[in-house]
Amino acid sequence: DAAVTPRGLDELPELMPLADGLVHCTPVGMAAHP
């Protein structure tokens, strides 16, 4: 009943204006990957 859509990083400018929120699940931001 949900729509789960694969996207590329280049699509973020079009996606964020439609979104309620953002969840970050990559290593970027870790001490070793600031």
Full PDB file with SEQRES, HELIX, SHEET, SSBOND, CRYST1, ORIGX, SCALE, CONECT and MASTER records, all heavy atoms in Angstrom:
SEQRES   1 A   34  ASP ALA ALA VAL THR PRO ARG GLY LEU ASP GLU LEU PRO          
SEQRES   2 A   34  GLU LEU MET PRO LEU ALA ASP GLY LEU VAL HIS CYS THR          
SEQRES   3 A   34  PRO VAL GLY MET ALA ALA HIS PRO                              
HELIX    1 AA1 LEU A    9  GLU A   11  5                                   3    
HELIX    2 AA2 LEU A   12  LEU A   15  1                                   4    
HELIX    3 AA3 MET A   16  LEU A   18  5                                   3    
CRYST1    1.000    1.000    1.000  90.00  90.00  90.00 P 1           1          
ORIGX1      1.000000  0.000000  0.000000        0.00000                         
ORIGX2      0.000000  1.000000  0.000000        0.00000                         
ORIGX3      0.000000  0.000000  1.000000        0.00000                         
SCALE1      1.000000  0.000000  0.000000        0.00000                         
SCALE2      0.000000  1.000000  0.000000        0.00000                         
SCALE3      0.000000  0.000000  1.000000        0.00000                         
ATOM      1  N   ASP A   1       0.811  -1.218   0.000  1.00  0.00           N  
ATOM      2  CA  ASP A   1       0.000   0.000   0.000  1.00  0.00           C  
ATOM      3  C   ASP A   1       0.846   1.270   0.000  1.00  0.00           C  
ATOM      4  O   ASP A   1       0.308   2.379  -0.091  1.00  0.00           O  
ATOM      5  CB  ASP A   1      -0.941   0.025   1.211  1.00  0.00           C  
ATOM      6  CG  ASP A   1      -1.989  -1.080   1.148  1.00  0.00           C  
ATOM      7  OD1 ASP A   1      -2.325  -1.497   0.020  1.00  0.00           O  
ATOM      8  OD2 ASP A   1      -2.455  -1.520   2.208  1.00  0.00           O  
ATOM      9  N   ALA A   2       2.162   1.116   0.119  1.00  0.00           N  
ATOM     10  CA  ALA A   2       3.058   2.279   0.122  1.00  0.00           C  
ATOM     11  C   ALA A   2       3.832   2.329  -1.195  1.00  0.00           C  
ATOM     12  O   ALA A   2       4.015   1.314  -1.869  1.00  0.00           O  
ATOM     13  CB  ALA A   2       4.030   2.190   1.293  1.00  0.00           C  
ATOM     14  N   ALA A   3       4.291   3.534  -1.540  1.00  0.00           N  
ATOM     15  CA  ALA A   3       5.121   3.717  -2.733  1.00  0.00           C  
ATOM     16  C   ALA A   3       6.568   3.872  -2.286  1.00  0.00           C  
ATOM     17  O   ALA A   3       6.905   4.840  -1.598  1.00  0.00           O  
ATOM     18  CB  ALA A   3       4.669   4.948  -3.508  1.00  0.00           C  
ATOM     19  N   VAL A   4       7.406   2.904  -2.631  1.00  0.00           N  
ATOM     20  CA  VAL A   4       8.834   2.965  -2.308  1.00  0.00           C  
ATOM     21  C   VAL A   4       9.583   3.097  -3.630  1.00  0.00           C  
ATOM     22  O   VAL A   4       9.532   2.193  -4.465  1.00  0.00           O  
ATOM     23  CB  VAL A   4       9.304   1.706  -1.542  1.00  0.00           C  
ATOM     24  CG1 VAL A   4      10.754   1.875  -1.110  1.00  0.00           C  
ATOM     25  CG2 VAL A   4       8.407   1.434  -0.336  1.00  0.00           C  
ATOM     26  N   THR A   5      10.258   4.230  -3.809  1.00  0.00           N  
ATOM     27  CA  THR A   5      10.840   4.551  -5.108  1.00  0.00           C  
ATOM     28  C   THR A   5      12.346   4.725  -5.015  1.00  0.00           C  
ATOM     29  O   THR A   5      12.829   5.523  -4.202  1.00  0.00           O  
ATOM     30  CB  THR A   5      10.221   5.866  -5.653  1.00  0.00           C  
ATOM     31  OG1 THR A   5       8.802   5.795  -5.559  1.00  0.00           O  
ATOM     32  CG2 THR A   5      10.631   6.085  -7.098  1.00  0.00           C  
ATOM     33  N   PRO A   6      13.111   3.985  -5.813  1.00  0.00           N  
ATOM     34  CA  PRO A   6      14.567   4.191  -5.824  1.00  0.00           C  
ATOM     35  C   PRO A   6      14.913   5.489  -6.533  1.00  0.00           C  
ATOM     36  O   PRO A   6      14.317   5.819  -7.571  1.00  0.00           O  
ATOM     37  CB  PRO A   6      15.079   2.973  -6.609  1.00  0.00           C  
ATOM     38  CG  PRO A   6      13.945   2.584  -7.505  1.00  0.00           C  
ATOM     39  CD  PRO A   6      12.690   2.922  -6.755  1.00  0.00           C  
ATOM     40  N   ARG A   7      15.862   6.216  -5.969  1.00  0.00           N  
ATOM     41  CA  ARG A   7      16.234   7.520  -6.529  1.00  0.00           C  
ATOM     42  C   ARG A   7      17.753   7.679  -6.534  1.00  0.00           C  
ATOM     43  O   ARG A   7      18.462   7.056  -5.751  1.00  0.00           O  
ATOM     44  CB  ARG A   7      15.641   8.655  -5.682  1.00  0.00           C  
ATOM     45  CG  ARG A   7      14.136   8.615  -5.501  1.00  0.00           C  
ATOM     46  CD  ARG A   7      13.392   9.017  -6.743  1.00  0.00           C  
ATOM     47  NE  ARG A   7      11.972   9.237  -6.471  1.00  0.00           N  
ATOM     48  CZ  ARG A   7      11.094   9.672  -7.373  1.00  0.00           C  
ATOM     49  NH1 ARG A   7      11.498   9.928  -8.608  1.00  0.00           N  
ATOM     50  NH2 ARG A   7       9.824   9.836  -7.039  1.00  0.00           N  
ATOM     51  N   GLY A   8      18.221   8.578  -7.381  1.00  0.00           N  
ATOM     52  CA  GLY A   8      19.627   8.938  -7.420  1.00  0.00           C  
ATOM     53  C   GLY A   8      19.860  10.244  -6.681  1.00  0.00           C  
ATOM     54  O   GLY A   8      18.922  11.029  -6.452  1.00  0.00           O  
ATOM     55  N   LEU A   9      21.111  10.507  -6.298  1.00  0.00           N  
ATOM     56  CA  LEU A   9      21.441  11.724  -5.558  1.00  0.00           C  
ATOM     57  C   LEU A   9      21.080  12.985  -6.334  1.00  0.00           C  
ATOM     58  O   LEU A   9      20.723  14.008  -5.740  1.00  0.00           O  
ATOM     59  CB  LEU A   9      22.933  11.733  -5.217  1.00  0.00           C  
ATOM     60  CG  LEU A   9      23.386  10.731  -4.148  1.00  0.00           C  
ATOM     61  CD1 LEU A   9      24.911  10.669  -4.106  1.00  0.00           C  
ATOM     62  CD2 LEU A   9      22.833  11.112  -2.782  1.00  0.00           C  
ATOM     63  N   ASP A  10      21.146  12.907  -7.656  1.00  0.00           N  
ATOM     64  CA  ASP A  10      20.856  14.092  -8.472  1.00  0.00           C  
ATOM     65  C   ASP A  10      19.389  14.490  -8.430  1.00  0.00           C  
ATOM     66  O   ASP A  10      19.020  15.588  -8.876  1.00  0.00           O  
ATOM     67  CB  ASP A  10      21.288  13.846  -9.920  1.00  0.00           C  
ATOM     68  CG  ASP A  10      20.579  12.659 -10.552  1.00  0.00           C  
ATOM     69  OD1 ASP A  10      20.161  11.750  -9.810  1.00  0.00           O  
ATOM     70  OD2 ASP A  10      20.443  12.637 -11.789  1.00  0.00           O  
ATOM     71  N   GLU A  11      18.540  13.633  -7.872  1.00  0.00           N  
ATOM     72  CA  GLU A  11      17.107  13.925  -7.802  1.00  0.00           C  
ATOM     73  C   GLU A  11      16.705  14.661  -6.521  1.00  0.00           C  
ATOM     74  O   GLU A  11      15.551  15.072  -6.373  1.00  0.00           O  
ATOM     75  CB  GLU A  11      16.302  12.628  -7.923  1.00  0.00           C  
ATOM     76  CG  GLU A  11      16.479  11.906  -9.250  1.00  0.00           C  
ATOM     77  CD  GLU A  11      15.683  10.613  -9.327  1.00  0.00           C  
ATOM     78  OE1 GLU A  11      14.455  10.694  -9.509  1.00  0.00           O  
ATOM     79  OE2 GLU A  11      16.287   9.534  -9.188  1.00  0.00           O  
ATOM     80  N   LEU A  12      17.650  14.831  -5.585  1.00  0.00           N  
ATOM     81  CA  LEU A  12      17.315  15.459  -4.306  1.00  0.00           C  
ATOM     82  C   LEU A  12      16.686  16.848  -4.439  1.00  0.00           C  
ATOM     83  O   LEU A  12      15.737  17.162  -3.702  1.00  0.00           O  
ATOM     84  CB  LEU A  12      18.557  15.522  -3.410  1.00  0.00           C  
ATOM     85  CG  LEU A  12      18.933  14.215  -2.708  1.00  0.00           C  
ATOM     86  CD1 LEU A  12      20.289  14.346  -2.020  1.00  0.00           C  
ATOM     87  CD2 LEU A  12      17.862  13.816  -1.696  1.00  0.00           C  
ATOM     88  N   PRO A  13      17.166  17.709  -5.347  1.00  0.00           N  
ATOM     89  CA  PRO A  13      16.536  19.037  -5.468  1.00  0.00           C  
ATOM     90  C   PRO A  13      15.051  18.975  -5.825  1.00  0.00           C  
ATOM     91  O   PRO A  13      14.291  19.882  -5.468  1.00  0.00           O  
ATOM     92  CB  PRO A  13      17.350  19.711  -6.588  1.00  0.00           C  
ATOM     93  CG  PRO A  13      18.686  19.042  -6.534  1.00  0.00           C  
ATOM     94  CD  PRO A  13      18.368  17.611  -6.193  1.00  0.00           C  
ATOM     95  N   GLU A  14      14.629  17.921  -6.509  1.00  0.00           N  
ATOM     96  CA  GLU A  14      13.208  17.782  -6.848  1.00  0.00           C  
ATOM     97  C   GLU A  14      12.430  17.084  -5.736  1.00  0.00           C  
ATOM     98  O   GLU A  14      11.225  17.297  -5.578  1.00  0.00           O  
ATOM     99  CB  GLU A  14      13.046  16.973  -8.147  1.00  0.00           C  
ATOM    100  CG  GLU A  14      13.490  17.687  -9.412  1.00  0.00           C  
ATOM    101  CD  GLU A  14      14.996  17.750  -9.569  1.00  0.00           C  
ATOM    102  OE1 GLU A  14      15.650  16.707  -9.335  1.00  0.00           O  
ATOM    103  OE2 GLU A  14      15.530  18.832  -9.880  1.00  0.00           O  
ATOM    104  N   LEU A  15      13.119  16.253  -4.948  1.00  0.00           N  
ATOM    105  CA  LEU A  15      12.441  15.459  -3.932  1.00  0.00           C  
ATOM    106  C   LEU A  15      12.183  16.216  -2.627  1.00  0.00           C  
ATOM    107  O   LEU A  15      11.121  16.081  -2.022  1.00  0.00           O  
ATOM    108  CB  LEU A  15      13.256  14.198  -3.619  1.00  0.00           C  
ATOM    109  CG  LEU A  15      13.459  13.204  -4.762  1.00  0.00           C  
ATOM    110  CD1 LEU A  15      14.391  12.078  -4.336  1.00  0.00           C  
ATOM    111  CD2 LEU A  15      12.116  12.642  -5.220  1.00  0.00           C  
ATOM    112  N   MET A  16      13.172  16.998  -2.192  1.00  0.00           N  
ATOM    113  CA  MET A  16      13.057  17.628  -0.877  1.00  0.00           C  
ATOM    114  C   MET A  16      11.868  18.587  -0.746  1.00  0.00           C  
ATOM    115  O   MET A  16      11.225  18.629   0.319  1.00  0.00           O  
ATOM    116  CB  MET A  16      14.362  18.324  -0.497  1.00  0.00           C  
ATOM    117  CG  MET A  16      15.502  17.367  -0.160  1.00  0.00           C  
ATOM    118  SD  MET A  16      15.065  16.091   1.051  1.00  0.00           S  
ATOM    119  CE  MET A  16      14.603  17.102   2.467  1.00  0.00           C  
ATOM    120  N   PRO A  17      11.499  19.361  -1.778  1.00  0.00           N  
ATOM    121  CA  PRO A  17      10.322  20.222  -1.625  1.00  0.00           C  
ATOM    122  C   PRO A  17       9.022  19.451  -1.405  1.00  0.00           C  
ATOM    123  O   PRO A  17       8.046  20.008  -0.895  1.00  0.00           O  
ATOM    124  CB  PRO A  17      10.281  20.988  -2.962  1.00  0.00           C  
ATOM    125  CG  PRO A  17      11.687  20.989  -3.441  1.00  0.00           C  
ATOM    126  CD  PRO A  17      12.211  19.632  -3.035  1.00  0.00           C  
ATOM    127  N   LEU A  18       9.018  18.159  -1.760  1.00  0.00           N  
ATOM    128  CA  LEU A  18       7.827  17.333  -1.593  1.00  0.00           C  
ATOM    129  C   LEU A  18       7.806  16.592  -0.264  1.00  0.00           C  
ATOM    130  O   LEU A  18       6.772  16.065   0.142  1.00  0.00           O  
ATOM    131  CB  LEU A  18       7.738  16.302  -2.731  1.00  0.00           C  
ATOM    132  CG  LEU A  18       7.779  16.849  -4.160  1.00  0.00           C  
ATOM    133  CD1 LEU A  18       7.855  15.691  -5.150  1.00  0.00           C  
ATOM    134  CD2 LEU A  18       6.557  17.718  -4.435  1.00  0.00           C  
ATOM    135  N   ALA A  19       8.953  16.538   0.397  1.00  0.00           N  
ATOM    136  CA  ALA A  19       9.116  15.671   1.567  1.00  0.00           C  
ATOM    137  C   ALA A  19       8.695  16.341   2.865  1.00  0.00           C  
ATOM    138  O   ALA A  19       8.812  17.557   3.024  1.00  0.00           O  
ATOM    139  CB  ALA A  19      10.573  15.222   1.674  1.00  0.00           C  
ATOM    140  N   ASP A  20       8.239  15.494   3.812  1.00  0.00           N  
ATOM    141  CA  ASP A  20       7.978  15.960   5.179  1.00  0.00           C  
ATOM    142  C   ASP A  20       9.257  15.931   5.998  1.00  0.00           C  
ATOM    143  O   ASP A  20       9.457  16.769   6.885  1.00  0.00           O  
ATOM    144  CB  ASP A  20       6.937  15.058   5.855  1.00  0.00           C  
ATOM    145  CG  ASP A  20       5.611  15.078   5.133  1.00  0.00           C  
ATOM    146  OD1 ASP A  20       5.120  16.176   4.823  1.00  0.00           O  
ATOM    147  OD2 ASP A  20       5.072  13.984   4.852  1.00  0.00           O  
ATOM    148  N   GLY A  21      10.117  14.941   5.721  1.00  0.00           N  
ATOM    149  CA  GLY A  21      11.338  14.803   6.513  1.00  0.00           C  
ATOM    150  C   GLY A  21      12.412  14.042   5.780  1.00  0.00           C  
ATOM    151  O   GLY A  21      12.184  13.476   4.700  1.00  0.00           O  
ATOM    152  N   LEU A  22      13.583  14.016   6.387  1.00  0.00           N  
ATOM    153  CA  LEU A  22      14.765  13.376   5.818  1.00  0.00           C  
ATOM    154  C   LEU A  22      15.394  12.456   6.853  1.00  0.00           C  
ATOM    155  O   LEU A  22      15.564  12.847   8.014  1.00  0.00           O  
ATOM    156  CB  LEU A  22      15.784  14.445   5.413  1.00  0.00           C  
ATOM    157  CG  LEU A  22      17.167  13.951   4.967  1.00  0.00           C  
ATOM    158  CD1 LEU A  22      17.113  13.451   3.523  1.00  0.00           C  
ATOM    159  CD2 LEU A  22      18.205  15.071   5.100  1.00  0.00           C  
ATOM    160  N   VAL A  23      15.748  11.245   6.428  1.00  0.00           N  
ATOM    161  CA  VAL A  23      16.491  10.326   7.292  1.00  0.00           C  
ATOM    162  C   VAL A  23      17.827  10.035   6.622  1.00  0.00           C  
ATOM    163  O   VAL A  23      17.864   9.698   5.432  1.00  0.00           O  
ATOM    164  CB  VAL A  23      15.729   9.013   7.535  1.00  0.00           C  
ATOM    165  CG1 VAL A  23      16.517   8.124   8.497  1.00  0.00           C  
ATOM    166  CG2 VAL A  23      14.350   9.279   8.086  1.00  0.00           C  
ATOM    167  N   HIS A  24      18.908  10.139   7.399  1.00  0.00           N  
ATOM    168  CA  HIS A  24      20.245   9.919   6.864  1.00  0.00           C  
ATOM    169  C   HIS A  24      20.816   8.613   7.372  1.00  0.00           C  
ATOM    170  O   HIS A  24      20.957   8.415   8.586  1.00  0.00           O  
ATOM    171  CB  HIS A  24      21.174  11.076   7.248  1.00  0.00           C  
ATOM    172  CG  HIS A  24      22.594  10.827   6.865  1.00  0.00           C  
ATOM    173  ND1 HIS A  24      23.633  10.864   7.760  1.00  0.00           N  
ATOM    174  CD2 HIS A  24      23.138  10.488   5.655  1.00  0.00           C  
ATOM    175  CE1 HIS A  24      24.765  10.578   7.133  1.00  0.00           C  
ATOM    176  NE2 HIS A  24      24.492  10.339   5.864  1.00  0.00           N  
ATOM    177  N   CYS A  25      21.168   7.698   6.435  1.00  0.00           N  
ATOM    178  CA  CYS A  25      21.662   6.361   6.787  1.00  0.00           C  
ATOM    179  C   CYS A  25      22.934   6.001   6.020  1.00  0.00           C  
ATOM    180  O   CYS A  25      23.093   4.859   5.581  1.00  0.00           O  
ATOM    181  CB  CYS A  25      20.591   5.311   6.501  1.00  0.00           C  
ATOM    182  SG  CYS A  25      19.017   5.579   7.302  1.00  0.00           S  
ATOM    183  N   THR A  26      23.835   6.958   5.833  1.00  0.00           N  
ATOM    184  CA  THR A  26      25.120   6.659   5.195  1.00  0.00           C  
ATOM    185  C   THR A  26      26.231   6.967   6.208  1.00  0.00           C  
ATOM    186  O   THR A  26      25.975   7.570   7.251  1.00  0.00           O  
ATOM    187  CB  THR A  26      25.347   7.511   3.918  1.00  0.00           C  
ATOM    188  OG1 THR A  26      25.905   8.791   4.269  1.00  0.00           O  
ATOM    189  CG2 THR A  26      24.062   7.704   3.142  1.00  0.00           C  
ATOM    190  N   PRO A  27      27.489   6.602   5.915  1.00  0.00           N  
ATOM    191  CA  PRO A  27      28.588   6.894   6.849  1.00  0.00           C  
ATOM    192  C   PRO A  27      29.001   8.361   6.895  1.00  0.00           C  
ATOM    193  O   PRO A  27      29.796   8.738   7.758  1.00  0.00           O  
ATOM    194  CB  PRO A  27      29.747   6.040   6.308  1.00  0.00           C  
ATOM    195  CG  PRO A  27      29.122   5.035   5.403  1.00  0.00           C  
ATOM    196  CD  PRO A  27      27.928   5.705   4.823  1.00  0.00           C  
ATOM    197  N   VAL A  28      28.509   9.195   5.981  1.00  0.00           N  
ATOM    198  CA  VAL A  28      28.924  10.600   5.956  1.00  0.00           C  
ATOM    199  C   VAL A  28      28.533  11.276   7.273  1.00  0.00           C  
ATOM    200  O   VAL A  28      27.390  11.165   7.729  1.00  0.00           O  
ATOM    201  CB  VAL A  28      28.283  11.347   4.772  1.00  0.00           C  
ATOM    202  CG1 VAL A  28      28.685  12.826   4.804  1.00  0.00           C  
ATOM    203  CG2 VAL A  28      28.707  10.728   3.457  1.00  0.00           C  
ATOM    204  N   GLY A  29      29.492  11.949   7.873  1.00  0.00           N  
ATOM    205  CA  GLY A  29      29.243  12.598   9.161  1.00  0.00           C  
ATOM    206  C   GLY A  29      29.924  11.890  10.309  1.00  0.00           C  
ATOM    207  O   GLY A  29      30.087  12.467  11.389  1.00  0.00           O  
ATOM    208  N   MET A  30      30.333  10.621  10.094  1.00  0.00           N  
ATOM    209  CA  MET A  30      31.115   9.936  11.117  1.00  0.00           C  
ATOM    210  C   MET A  30      32.461  10.631  11.269  1.00  0.00           C  
ATOM    211  O   MET A  30      32.906  11.364  10.378  1.00  0.00           O  
ATOM    212  CB  MET A  30      31.350   8.472  10.720  1.00  0.00           C  
ATOM    213  CG  MET A  30      30.124   7.592  10.744  1.00  0.00           C  
ATOM    214  SD  MET A  30      30.565   5.888  10.268  1.00  0.00           S  
ATOM    215  CE  MET A  30      28.979   5.076  10.452  1.00  0.00           C  
ATOM    216  N   ALA A  31      33.106  10.381  12.396  1.00  0.00           N  
ATOM    217  CA  ALA A  31      34.398  11.016  12.661  1.00  0.00           C  
ATOM    218  C   ALA A  31      35.383  10.768  11.527  1.00  0.00           C  
ATOM    219  O   ALA A  31      36.160  11.650  11.153  1.00  0.00           O  
ATOM    220  CB  ALA A  31      34.960  10.510  13.988  1.00  0.00           C  
ATOM    221  N   ALA A  32      35.336   9.564  10.958  1.00  0.00           N  
ATOM    222  CA  ALA A  32      36.263   9.220   9.877  1.00  0.00           C  
ATOM    223  C   ALA A  32      35.780   9.689   8.504  1.00  0.00           C  
ATOM    224  O   ALA A  32      36.530   9.640   7.536  1.00  0.00           O  
ATOM    225  CB  ALA A  32      36.485   7.713   9.843  1.00  0.00           C  
ATOM    226  N   HIS A  33      34.528  10.128   8.441  1.00  0.00           N  
ATOM    227  CA  HIS A  33      33.954  10.589   7.164  1.00  0.00           C  
ATOM    228  C   HIS A  33      33.195  11.894   7.381  1.00  0.00           C  
ATOM    229  O   HIS A  33      31.976  11.956   7.192  1.00  0.00           O  
ATOM    230  CB  HIS A  33      32.998   9.535   6.593  1.00  0.00           C  
ATOM    231  CG  HIS A  33      33.617   8.192   6.399  1.00  0.00           C  
ATOM    232  ND1 HIS A  33      34.403   7.883   5.314  1.00  0.00           N  
ATOM    233  CD2 HIS A  33      33.582   7.075   7.162  1.00  0.00           C  
ATOM    234  CE1 HIS A  33      34.811   6.632   5.407  1.00  0.00           C  
ATOM    235  NE2 HIS A  33      34.335   6.119   6.522  1.00  0.00           N  
ATOM    236  N   PRO A  34      33.877  12.964   7.805  1.00  0.00           N  
ATOM    237  CA  PRO A  34      33.177  14.213   8.124  1.00  0.00           C  
ATOM    238  C   PRO A  34      32.547  14.853   6.886  1.00  0.00           C  
ATOM    239  O   PRO A  34      32.948  14.577   5.756  1.00  0.00           O  
ATOM    240  CB  PRO A  34      34.296  15.092   8.690  1.00  0.00           C  
ATOM    241  CG  PRO A  34      35.546  14.558   8.074  1.00  0.00           C  
ATOM    242  CD  PRO A  34      35.332  13.086   7.957  1.00  0.00           C  
TER     243      PRO A  34                                                      
MASTER        0    0    0    3    0    0    0    6  242    1    0    3          
END                                                                             
